[in-house]
Amino acid sequence: MEEFILGNGAAQKLEPEEVRVEGGDAVRELKRSMLEGTKNHCYQKQRPQACMTLADFYRERKQDLAAAARTITDCCERLKNASCCWEAGILKANGFEKTNVEQNFPEAVHDFKTACLAETAETIMDRQATAKSCFALSEILRRDLSLAAEGQKKMTPVVKGLLEEMNVKSLVIRGCKLGSWEACNSYAIMSFDGLFGIEKDVQFGLDLAEKSCLHGNEIKACVNLEKIYSDGFLGVENDKKREMKLESYQRKIEELSDDFELDIDRVDDLARS
């Protein structure tokens, strides 16, 4: 709607006043406001996903790996969130350069355990983090138990403590049920020989490995199945069905290998840019 004022007996049209906005300043102010809002949600409102977003900001936009690591480890300690504790465990297990996080295996195990036992999952990422953490713990136990049985290594106090609360079987089952196809494949392998308290059931193992390969895109399962079906291991019969299955596993391996090469190409492109 146009506005007019009266002056000297005649109506005069009001011209709209020009508004000047400095684009760069406005964008910077918006970013600052968003950052402060994210910090508020992370620390004051105790929202773990805000903490993960904040860590991503420090890591990707600021290239500040130490700040990102502090945010993640603090989130795990304060909020006991699965995603935060899974990443905190990875940081402490490896002691990555520039994160200022020292390698500390007992603390890494503690964080994985917190993530594995988390009962609430705010997001799919939390559920995946819980599944991956349970599988990581199962691998730690499986490795140390196997080495101890062979007389190559004594179990560490950390692993002994874990065994008082958990076992390989329960961990891989929980990890598999929550969506870790690595855990499902591990369960399948152990069912071939009935290891770590898992009932021996070759057909069940083959079926679960096939799901891990074809539905879960777990390449290790595909490679294992290709070996089993090409060499006729585990009593697999040499018939047309075996040939069809072998072809399906080989196609999947090729498909997953192509995807992996594409990912490597993208990383190389980013490194050059």
C-alpha atoms as a PDB file:
ATOM      1  CA  MET A   1       0.000   0.000   0.000  1.00  0.00           C
ATOM      2  CA  GLU A   2       1.434   3.397  -1.017  1.00  0.00           C
ATOM      3  CA  GLU A   3       1.693   6.179   1.598  1.00  0.00           C
ATOM      4  CA  PHE A   4       1.324   9.951   0.923  1.00  0.00           C
ATOM      5  CA  ILE A   5       1.788  13.160   2.943  1.00  0.00           C
ATOM      6  CA  LEU A   6       0.097  16.503   2.369  1.00  0.00           C
ATOM      7  CA  GLY A   7       2.279  19.531   1.730  1.00  0.00           C
ATOM      8  CA  ASN A   8       1.614  22.872   0.100  1.00  0.00           C
ATOM      9  CA  GLY A   9      -1.831  21.755  -0.841  1.00  0.00           C
ATOM     10  CA  ALA A  10      -0.637  18.757  -2.836  1.00  0.00           C
ATOM     11  CA  ALA A  11      -0.226  15.143  -2.056  1.00  0.00           C
ATOM     12  CA  GLN A  12       3.349  13.959  -2.219  1.00  0.00           C
ATOM     13  CA  LYS A  13       4.383  10.310  -2.528  1.00  0.00           C
ATOM     14  CA  LEU A  14       6.690   8.982   0.181  1.00  0.00           C
ATOM     15  CA  GLU A  15       9.766   7.291  -1.239  1.00  0.00           C
ATOM     16  CA  PRO A  16      10.893   4.241   0.765  1.00  0.00           C
ATOM     17  CA  GLU A  17      14.100   4.812   2.677  1.00  0.00           C
ATOM     18  CA  GLU A  18      16.987   2.769   1.367  1.00  0.00           C
ATOM     19  CA  VAL A  19      18.209   0.166   3.846  1.00  0.00           C
ATOM     20  CA  ARG A  20      21.871  -0.725   3.670  1.00  0.00           C
ATOM     21  CA  VAL A  21      23.084  -4.032   5.067  1.00  0.00           C
ATOM     22  CA  GLU A  22      26.703  -4.997   5.110  1.00  0.00           C
ATOM     23  CA  GLY A  23      26.548  -8.573   3.822  1.00  0.00           C
ATOM     24  CA  GLY A  24      29.794  -9.770   5.368  1.00  0.00           C
ATOM     25  CA  ASP A  25      28.954  -8.390   8.805  1.00  0.00           C
ATOM     26  CA  ALA A  26      25.458  -9.880   8.704  1.00  0.00           C
ATOM     27  CA  VAL A  27      26.772 -13.315   7.793  1.00  0.00           C
ATOM     28  CA  ARG A  28      29.424 -13.168  10.499  1.00  0.00           C
ATOM     29  CA  GLU A  29      26.856 -12.127  13.080  1.00  0.00           C
ATOM     30  CA  LEU A  30      24.534 -14.948  12.015  1.00  0.00           C
ATOM     31  CA  LYS A  31      27.342 -17.496  12.305  1.00  0.00           C
ATOM     32  CA  ARG A  32      28.359 -16.141  15.713  1.00  0.00           C
ATOM     33  CA  SER A  33      24.764 -16.356  16.909  1.00  0.00           C
ATOM     34  CA  MET A  34      24.402 -19.930  15.639  1.00  0.00           C
ATOM     35  CA  LEU A  35      27.669 -20.938  17.317  1.00  0.00           C
ATOM     36  CA  GLU A  36      26.605 -19.443  20.639  1.00  0.00           C
ATOM     37  CA  GLY A  37      23.235 -21.188  20.333  1.00  0.00           C
ATOM     38  CA  THR A  38      24.938 -24.520  19.702  1.00  0.00           C
ATOM     39  CA  LYS A  39      27.213 -24.015  22.720  1.00  0.00           C
ATOM     40  CA  ASN A  40      24.188 -23.162  24.853  1.00  0.00           C
ATOM     41  CA  HIS A  41      22.367 -26.333  23.780  1.00  0.00           C
ATOM     42  CA  CYS A  42      25.478 -28.429  24.421  1.00  0.00           C
ATOM     43  CA  TYR A  43      26.520 -27.072  27.816  1.00  0.00           C
ATOM     44  CA  GLN A  44      23.456 -25.447  29.355  1.00  0.00           C
ATOM     45  CA  LYS A  45      20.600 -27.518  27.926  1.00  0.00           C
ATOM     46  CA  GLN A  46      22.776 -30.657  27.889  1.00  0.00           C
ATOM     47  CA  ARG A  47      21.872 -31.789  24.382  1.00  0.00           C
ATOM     48  CA  PRO A  48      24.502 -34.294  23.202  1.00  0.00           C
ATOM     49  CA  GLN A  49      23.725 -33.839  19.519  1.00  0.00           C
ATOM     50  CA  ALA A  50      24.515 -30.145  19.881  1.00  0.00           C
ATOM     51  CA  CYS A  51      27.881 -31.169  21.333  1.00  0.00           C
ATOM     52  CA  MET A  52      28.536 -33.408  18.326  1.00  0.00           C
ATOM     53  CA  THR A  53      27.589 -30.541  15.995  1.00  0.00           C
ATOM     54  CA  LEU A  54      29.921 -28.235  17.903  1.00  0.00           C
ATOM     55  CA  ALA A  55      32.753 -30.772  17.633  1.00  0.00           C
ATOM     56  CA  ASP A  56      32.162 -31.040  13.878  1.00  0.00           C
ATOM     57  CA  PHE A  57      32.334 -27.236  13.625  1.00  0.00           C
ATOM     58  CA  TYR A  58      35.693 -27.114  15.412  1.00  0.00           C
ATOM     59  CA  ARG A  59      37.059 -30.010  13.384  1.00  0.00           C
ATOM     60  CA  GLU A  60      35.849 -29.043   9.911  1.00  0.00           C
ATOM     61  CA  ARG A  61      35.456 -25.253   9.930  1.00  0.00           C
ATOM     62  CA  LYS A  62      38.127 -24.215  12.411  1.00  0.00           C
ATOM     63  CA  GLN A  63      40.538 -27.104  11.794  1.00  0.00           C
ATOM     64  CA  ASP A  64      40.925 -27.214  15.582  1.00  0.00           C
ATOM     65  CA  LEU A  65      41.178 -30.913  16.398  1.00  0.00           C
ATOM     66  CA  ALA A  66      42.033 -30.274  20.039  1.00  0.00           C
ATOM     67  CA  ALA A  67      38.856 -28.229  20.621  1.00  0.00           C
ATOM     68  CA  ALA A  68      36.779 -30.883  18.844  1.00  0.00           C
ATOM     69  CA  ALA A  69      38.310 -33.617  21.002  1.00  0.00           C
ATOM     70  CA  ARG A  70      37.704 -31.646  24.217  1.00  0.00           C
ATOM     71  CA  THR A  71      34.064 -31.175  23.258  1.00  0.00           C
ATOM     72  CA  ILE A  72      33.587 -34.890  22.585  1.00  0.00           C
ATOM     73  CA  THR A  73      35.349 -36.180  25.701  1.00  0.00           C
ATOM     74  CA  ASP A  74      33.534 -33.629  27.869  1.00  0.00           C
ATOM     75  CA  CYS A  75      30.190 -34.667  26.343  1.00  0.00           C
ATOM     76  CA  CYS A  76      30.893 -38.311  27.161  1.00  0.00           C
ATOM     77  CA  GLU A  77      31.897 -37.503  30.728  1.00  0.00           C
ATOM     78  CA  ARG A  78      28.935 -35.197  31.417  1.00  0.00           C
ATOM     79  CA  LEU A  79      26.094 -36.711  29.407  1.00  0.00           C
ATOM     80  CA  LYS A  80      27.091 -40.389  29.003  1.00  0.00           C
ATOM     81  CA  ASN A  81      25.811 -40.201  25.430  1.00  0.00           C
ATOM     82  CA  ALA A  82      26.558 -43.165  23.145  1.00  0.00           C
ATOM     83  CA  SER A  83      27.768 -41.122  20.151  1.00  0.00           C
ATOM     84  CA  CYS A  84      30.029 -38.946  22.298  1.00  0.00           C
ATOM     85  CA  CYS A  85      31.439 -41.898  24.233  1.00  0.00           C
ATOM     86  CA  TRP A  86      32.056 -43.973  21.099  1.00  0.00           C
ATOM     87  CA  GLU A  87      34.099 -41.141  19.584  1.00  0.00           C
ATOM     88  CA  ALA A  88      35.806 -40.437  22.922  1.00  0.00           C
ATOM     89  CA  GLY A  89      36.809 -44.101  23.085  1.00  0.00           C
ATOM     90  CA  ILE A  90      38.275 -43.937  19.578  1.00  0.00           C
ATOM     91  CA  LEU A  91      40.271 -40.828  20.528  1.00  0.00           C
ATOM     92  CA  LYS A  92      41.672 -42.442  23.688  1.00  0.00           C
ATOM     93  CA  ALA A  93      42.371 -45.778  22.031  1.00  0.00           C
ATOM     94  CA  ASN A  94      44.511 -44.094  19.374  1.00  0.00           C
ATOM     95  CA  GLY A  95      45.871 -40.865  20.865  1.00  0.00           C
ATOM     96  CA  PHE A  96      45.651 -39.087  17.522  1.00  0.00           C
ATOM     97  CA  GLU A  97      48.172 -36.339  16.875  1.00  0.00           C
ATOM     98  CA  LYS A  98      46.910 -32.745  17.276  1.00  0.00           C
ATOM     99  CA  THR A  99      43.930 -33.779  19.443  1.00  0.00           C
ATOM    100  CA  ASN A 100      45.896 -33.416  22.696  1.00  0.00           C
ATOM    101  CA  VAL A 101      44.262 -36.662  23.838  1.00  0.00           C
ATOM    102  CA  GLU A 102      46.781 -39.144  25.191  1.00  0.00           C
ATOM    103  CA  GLN A 103      46.479 -42.810  24.320  1.00  0.00           C
ATOM    104  CA  ASN A 104      44.833 -44.520  27.273  1.00  0.00           C
ATOM    105  CA  PHE A 105      43.471 -48.018  26.732  1.00  0.00           C
ATOM    106  CA  PRO A 106      41.674 -48.411  30.103  1.00  0.00           C
ATOM    107  CA  GLU A 107      39.829 -45.111  29.604  1.00  0.00           C
ATOM    108  CA  ALA A 108      38.972 -46.054  26.012  1.00  0.00           C
ATOM    109  CA  VAL A 109      37.432 -49.312  27.245  1.00  0.00           C
ATOM    110  CA  HIS A 110      35.491 -47.388  29.898  1.00  0.00           C
ATOM    111  CA  ASP A 111      34.035 -45.063  27.247  1.00  0.00           C
ATOM    112  CA  PHE A 112      33.155 -47.959  24.930  1.00  0.00           C
ATOM    113  CA  LYS A 113      31.410 -49.668  27.844  1.00  0.00           C
ATOM    114  CA  THR A 114      29.418 -46.509  28.607  1.00  0.00           C
ATOM    115  CA  ALA A 115      28.310 -46.315  24.966  1.00  0.00           C
ATOM    116  CA  CYS A 116      27.518 -50.036  24.755  1.00  0.00           C
ATOM    117  CA  LEU A 117      25.342 -49.991  27.874  1.00  0.00           C
ATOM    118  CA  ALA A 118      23.506 -46.784  26.954  1.00  0.00           C
ATOM    119  CA  GLU A 119      19.769 -47.457  27.156  1.00  0.00           C
ATOM    120  CA  THR A 120      18.490 -44.289  25.482  1.00  0.00           C
ATOM    121  CA  ALA A 121      19.167 -43.467  21.855  1.00  0.00           C
ATOM    122  CA  GLU A 122      18.177 -39.961  20.819  1.00  0.00           C
ATOM    123  CA  THR A 123      19.141 -40.579  17.195  1.00  0.00           C
ATOM    124  CA  ILE A 124      20.035 -43.350  14.774  1.00  0.00           C
ATOM    125  CA  MET A 125      23.648 -42.262  15.263  1.00  0.00           C
ATOM    126  CA  ASP A 126      23.366 -43.082  18.969  1.00  0.00           C
ATOM    127  CA  ARG A 127      22.006 -46.536  18.187  1.00  0.00           C
ATOM    128  CA  GLN A 128      24.827 -47.152  15.720  1.00  0.00           C
ATOM    129  CA  ALA A 129      27.384 -45.915  18.253  1.00  0.00           C
ATOM    130  CA  THR A 130      26.034 -48.339  20.859  1.00  0.00           C
ATOM    131  CA  ALA A 131      26.221 -51.208  18.360  1.00  0.00           C
ATOM    132  CA  LYS A 132      29.779 -50.344  17.298  1.00  0.00           C
ATOM    133  CA  SER A 133      30.920 -49.976  20.897  1.00  0.00           C
ATOM    134  CA  CYS A 134      29.547 -53.394  21.861  1.00  0.00           C
ATOM    135  CA  PHE A 135      31.313 -54.943  18.883  1.00  0.00           C
ATOM    136  CA  ALA A 136      34.572 -53.170  19.781  1.00  0.00           C
ATOM    137  CA  LEU A 137      34.400 -54.606  23.303  1.00  0.00           C
ATOM    138  CA  SER A 138      33.668 -58.081  21.945  1.00  0.00           C
ATOM    139  CA  GLU A 139      36.758 -57.854  19.735  1.00  0.00           C
ATOM    140  CA  ILE A 140      38.920 -56.755  22.669  1.00  0.00           C
ATOM    141  CA  LEU A 141      37.710 -59.732  24.728  1.00  0.00           C
ATOM    142  CA  ARG A 142      37.942 -62.190  21.848  1.00  0.00           C
ATOM    143  CA  ARG A 143      41.487 -61.147  21.001  1.00  0.00           C
ATOM    144  CA  ASP A 144      42.811 -61.323  24.559  1.00  0.00           C
ATOM    145  CA  LEU A 145      41.041 -64.596  25.341  1.00  0.00           C
ATOM    146  CA  SER A 146      42.420 -66.174  22.160  1.00  0.00           C
ATOM    147  CA  LEU A 147      45.977 -64.991  22.852  1.00  0.00           C
ATOM    148  CA  ALA A 148      45.765 -66.119  26.472  1.00  0.00           C
ATOM    149  CA  ALA A 149      44.530 -69.567  25.395  1.00  0.00           C
ATOM    150  CA  GLU A 150      47.523 -69.862  23.051  1.00  0.00           C
ATOM    151  CA  GLY A 151      49.890 -68.785  25.811  1.00  0.00           C
ATOM    152  CA  GLN A 152      51.004 -65.723  23.859  1.00  0.00           C
ATOM    153  CA  LYS A 153      49.730 -63.086  26.252  1.00  0.00           C
ATOM    154  CA  LYS A 154      48.364 -62.682  29.746  1.00  0.00           C
ATOM    155  CA  MET A 155      45.025 -60.964  30.081  1.00  0.00           C
ATOM    156  CA  THR A 156      45.281 -57.368  31.209  1.00  0.00           C
ATOM    157  CA  PRO A 157      43.473 -56.184  34.363  1.00  0.00           C
ATOM    158  CA  VAL A 158      41.161 -54.144  32.130  1.00  0.00           C
ATOM    159  CA  VAL A 159      40.067 -57.228  30.195  1.00  0.00           C
ATOM    160  CA  LYS A 160      39.701 -59.265  33.393  1.00  0.00           C
ATOM    161  CA  GLY A 161      37.432 -56.547  34.747  1.00  0.00           C
ATOM    162  CA  LEU A 162      35.352 -56.601  31.571  1.00  0.00           C
ATOM    163  CA  LEU A 163      34.929 -60.367  31.814  1.00  0.00           C
ATOM    164  CA  GLU A 164      33.339 -59.959  35.227  1.00  0.00           C
ATOM    165  CA  GLU A 165      30.533 -57.946  33.610  1.00  0.00           C
ATOM    166  CA  MET A 166      30.352 -59.063  29.981  1.00  0.00           C
ATOM    167  CA  ASN A 167      31.169 -61.853  27.573  1.00  0.00           C
ATOM    168  CA  VAL A 168      31.872 -62.107  23.862  1.00  0.00           C
ATOM    169  CA  LYS A 169      28.579 -63.808  23.047  1.00  0.00           C
ATOM    170  CA  SER A 170      26.328 -61.227  24.711  1.00  0.00           C
ATOM    171  CA  LEU A 171      28.291 -58.351  23.182  1.00  0.00           C
ATOM    172  CA  VAL A 172      28.140 -59.588  19.580  1.00  0.00           C
ATOM    173  CA  ILE A 173      24.446 -60.416  19.953  1.00  0.00           C
ATOM    174  CA  ARG A 174      23.693 -56.922  21.280  1.00  0.00           C
ATOM    175  CA  GLY A 175      25.832 -55.310  18.595  1.00  0.00           C
ATOM    176  CA  CYS A 176      24.174 -57.333  15.841  1.00  0.00           C
ATOM    177  CA  LYS A 177      20.638 -56.651  17.089  1.00  0.00           C
ATOM    178  CA  LEU A 178      21.356 -52.916  17.188  1.00  0.00           C
ATOM    179  CA  GLY A 179      22.541 -52.881  13.588  1.00  0.00           C
ATOM    180  CA  SER A 180      26.282 -53.584  13.465  1.00  0.00           C
ATOM    181  CA  TRP A 181      26.770 -55.902  10.503  1.00  0.00           C
ATOM    182  CA  GLU A 182      30.380 -56.371  11.616  1.00  0.00           C
ATOM    183  CA  ALA A 183      29.016 -57.843  14.835  1.00  0.00           C
ATOM    184  CA  CYS A 184      26.604 -60.038  12.872  1.00  0.00           C
ATOM    185  CA  ASN A 185      29.450 -61.330  10.724  1.00  0.00           C
ATOM    186  CA  SER A 186      31.534 -62.005  13.826  1.00  0.00           C
ATOM    187  CA  TYR A 187      28.628 -63.970  15.326  1.00  0.00           C
ATOM    188  CA  ALA A 188      28.346 -65.947  12.077  1.00  0.00           C
ATOM    189  CA  ILE A 189      32.034 -66.877  12.100  1.00  0.00           C
ATOM    190  CA  MET A 190      31.934 -68.018  15.720  1.00  0.00           C
ATOM    191  CA  SER A 191      28.833 -70.115  15.048  1.00  0.00           C
ATOM    192  CA  PHE A 192      30.758 -72.138  12.435  1.00  0.00           C
ATOM    193  CA  ASP A 193      32.862 -73.708  15.195  1.00  0.00           C
ATOM    194  CA  GLY A 194      30.783 -72.972  18.286  1.00  0.00           C
ATOM    195  CA  LEU A 195      33.228 -70.541  19.887  1.00  0.00           C
ATOM    196  CA  PHE A 196      32.902 -68.364  23.008  1.00  0.00           C
ATOM    197  CA  GLY A 197      29.706 -69.986  24.212  1.00  0.00           C
ATOM    198  CA  ILE A 198      27.923 -69.632  20.873  1.00  0.00           C
ATOM    199  CA  GLU A 199      26.141 -72.775  19.728  1.00  0.00           C
ATOM    200  CA  LYS A 200      27.701 -74.459  16.705  1.00  0.00           C
ATOM    201  CA  ASP A 201      25.308 -74.093  13.783  1.00  0.00           C
ATOM    202  CA  VAL A 202      26.941 -73.918  10.356  1.00  0.00           C
ATOM    203  CA  GLN A 203      23.760 -73.219   8.399  1.00  0.00           C
ATOM    204  CA  PHE A 204      22.742 -70.426  10.755  1.00  0.00           C
ATOM    205  CA  GLY A 205      26.235 -68.961  10.390  1.00  0.00           C
ATOM    206  CA  LEU A 206      26.079 -69.102   6.592  1.00  0.00           C
ATOM    207  CA  ASP A 207      22.649 -67.457   6.535  1.00  0.00           C
ATOM    208  CA  LEU A 208      23.748 -64.686   8.895  1.00  0.00           C
ATOM    209  CA  ALA A 209      26.965 -64.108   6.961  1.00  0.00           C
ATOM    210  CA  GLU A 210      24.937 -63.856   3.751  1.00  0.00           C
ATOM    211  CA  LYS A 211      22.673 -61.202   5.291  1.00  0.00           C
ATOM    212  CA  SER A 212      25.740 -59.318   6.499  1.00  0.00           C
ATOM    213  CA  CYS A 213      27.170 -59.389   2.989  1.00  0.00           C
ATOM    214  CA  LEU A 214      24.157 -58.770   0.761  1.00  0.00           C
ATOM    215  CA  HIS A 215      22.013 -56.594   3.040  1.00  0.00           C
ATOM    216  CA  GLY A 216      24.602 -55.092   5.373  1.00  0.00           C
ATOM    217  CA  ASN A 217      27.301 -54.432   2.751  1.00  0.00           C
ATOM    218  CA  GLU A 218      29.862 -55.968   5.113  1.00  0.00           C
ATOM    219  CA  ILE A 219      32.709 -56.782   2.735  1.00  0.00           C
ATOM    220  CA  LYS A 220      34.501 -59.114   5.177  1.00  0.00           C
ATOM    221  CA  ALA A 221      31.403 -61.322   5.195  1.00  0.00           C
ATOM    222  CA  CYS A 222      31.384 -61.367   1.384  1.00  0.00           C
ATOM    223  CA  VAL A 223      35.074 -62.308   1.226  1.00  0.00           C
ATOM    224  CA  ASN A 224      34.571 -65.110   3.762  1.00  0.00           C
ATOM    225  CA  LEU A 225      31.589 -66.466   1.848  1.00  0.00           C
ATOM    226  CA  GLU A 226      33.444 -66.326  -1.458  1.00  0.00           C
ATOM    227  CA  LYS A 227      36.218 -68.427   0.080  1.00  0.00           C
ATOM    228  CA  ILE A 228      33.772 -70.889   1.637  1.00  0.00           C
ATOM    229  CA  TYR A 229      31.759 -71.391  -1.547  1.00  0.00           C
ATOM    230  CA  SER A 230      34.678 -71.411  -3.979  1.00  0.00           C
ATOM    231  CA  ASP A 231      36.629 -74.010  -1.973  1.00  0.00           C
ATOM    232  CA  GLY A 232      33.640 -75.981  -0.699  1.00  0.00           C
ATOM    233  CA  PHE A 233      34.374 -75.462   2.984  1.00  0.00           C
ATOM    234  CA  LEU A 234      31.946 -76.259   5.827  1.00  0.00           C
ATOM    235  CA  GLY A 235      30.254 -79.020   3.849  1.00  0.00           C
ATOM    236  CA  VAL A 236      28.923 -76.705   1.134  1.00  0.00           C
ATOM    237  CA  GLU A 237      27.763 -78.926  -1.727  1.00  0.00           C
ATOM    238  CA  ASN A 238      29.047 -78.453  -5.262  1.00  0.00           C
ATOM    239  CA  ASP A 239      25.809 -77.746  -7.123  1.00  0.00           C
ATOM    240  CA  LYS A 240      24.113 -75.019  -9.171  1.00  0.00           C
ATOM    241  CA  LYS A 241      22.872 -73.247  -6.044  1.00  0.00           C
ATOM    242  CA  ARG A 242      26.441 -73.001  -4.803  1.00  0.00           C
ATOM    243  CA  GLU A 243      27.548 -71.441  -8.108  1.00  0.00           C
ATOM    244  CA  MET A 244      24.723 -68.893  -7.997  1.00  0.00           C
ATOM    245  CA  LYS A 245      25.558 -67.899  -4.442  1.00  0.00           C
ATOM    246  CA  LEU A 246      29.252 -67.618  -5.263  1.00  0.00           C
ATOM    247  CA  GLU A 247      28.472 -65.306  -8.187  1.00  0.00           C
ATOM    248  CA  SER A 248      26.275 -63.099  -6.000  1.00  0.00           C
ATOM    249  CA  TYR A 249      29.050 -62.730  -3.403  1.00  0.00           C
ATOM    250  CA  GLN A 250      31.628 -61.942  -6.080  1.00  0.00           C
ATOM    251  CA  ARG A 251      29.365 -59.274  -7.603  1.00  0.00           C
ATOM    252  CA  LYS A 252      28.861 -57.727  -4.181  1.00  0.00           C
ATOM    253  CA  ILE A 253      32.603 -57.666  -3.509  1.00  0.00           C
ATOM    254  CA  GLU A 254      33.146 -55.933  -6.848  1.00  0.00           C
ATOM    255  CA  GLU A 255      30.403 -53.412  -6.088  1.00  0.00           C
ATOM    256  CA  LEU A 256      31.732 -52.641  -2.611  1.00  0.00           C
ATOM    257  CA  SER A 257      35.309 -52.413  -3.912  1.00  0.00           C
ATOM    258  CA  ASP A 258      34.188 -49.866  -6.535  1.00  0.00           C
ATOM    259  CA  ASP A 259      32.475 -47.819  -3.814  1.00  0.00           C
ATOM    260  CA  PHE A 260      35.658 -47.938  -1.737  1.00  0.00           C
ATOM    261  CA  GLU A 261      37.752 -46.723  -4.674  1.00  0.00           C
ATOM    262  CA  LEU A 262      35.303 -43.857  -5.242  1.00  0.00           C
ATOM    263  CA  ASP A 263      35.630 -42.861  -1.585  1.00  0.00           C
ATOM    264  CA  ILE A 264      39.430 -42.885  -1.894  1.00  0.00           C
ATOM    265  CA  ASP A 265      39.198 -40.726  -5.034  1.00  0.00           C
ATOM    266  CA  ARG A 266      37.022 -38.217  -3.170  1.00  0.00           C
ATOM    267  CA  VAL A 267      39.554 -38.066  -0.339  1.00  0.00           C
ATOM    268  CA  ASP A 268      42.368 -37.478  -2.856  1.00  0.00           C
ATOM    269  CA  ASP A 269      40.374 -34.707  -4.535  1.00  0.00           C
ATOM    270  CA  LEU A 270      39.778 -33.012  -1.181  1.00  0.00           C
ATOM    271  CA  ALA A 271      43.449 -33.295  -0.296  1.00  0.00           C
ATOM    272  CA  ARG A 272      44.437 -31.601  -3.550  1.00  0.00           C
ATOM    273  CA  SER A 273      41.872 -28.805  -3.261  1.00  0.00           C
END
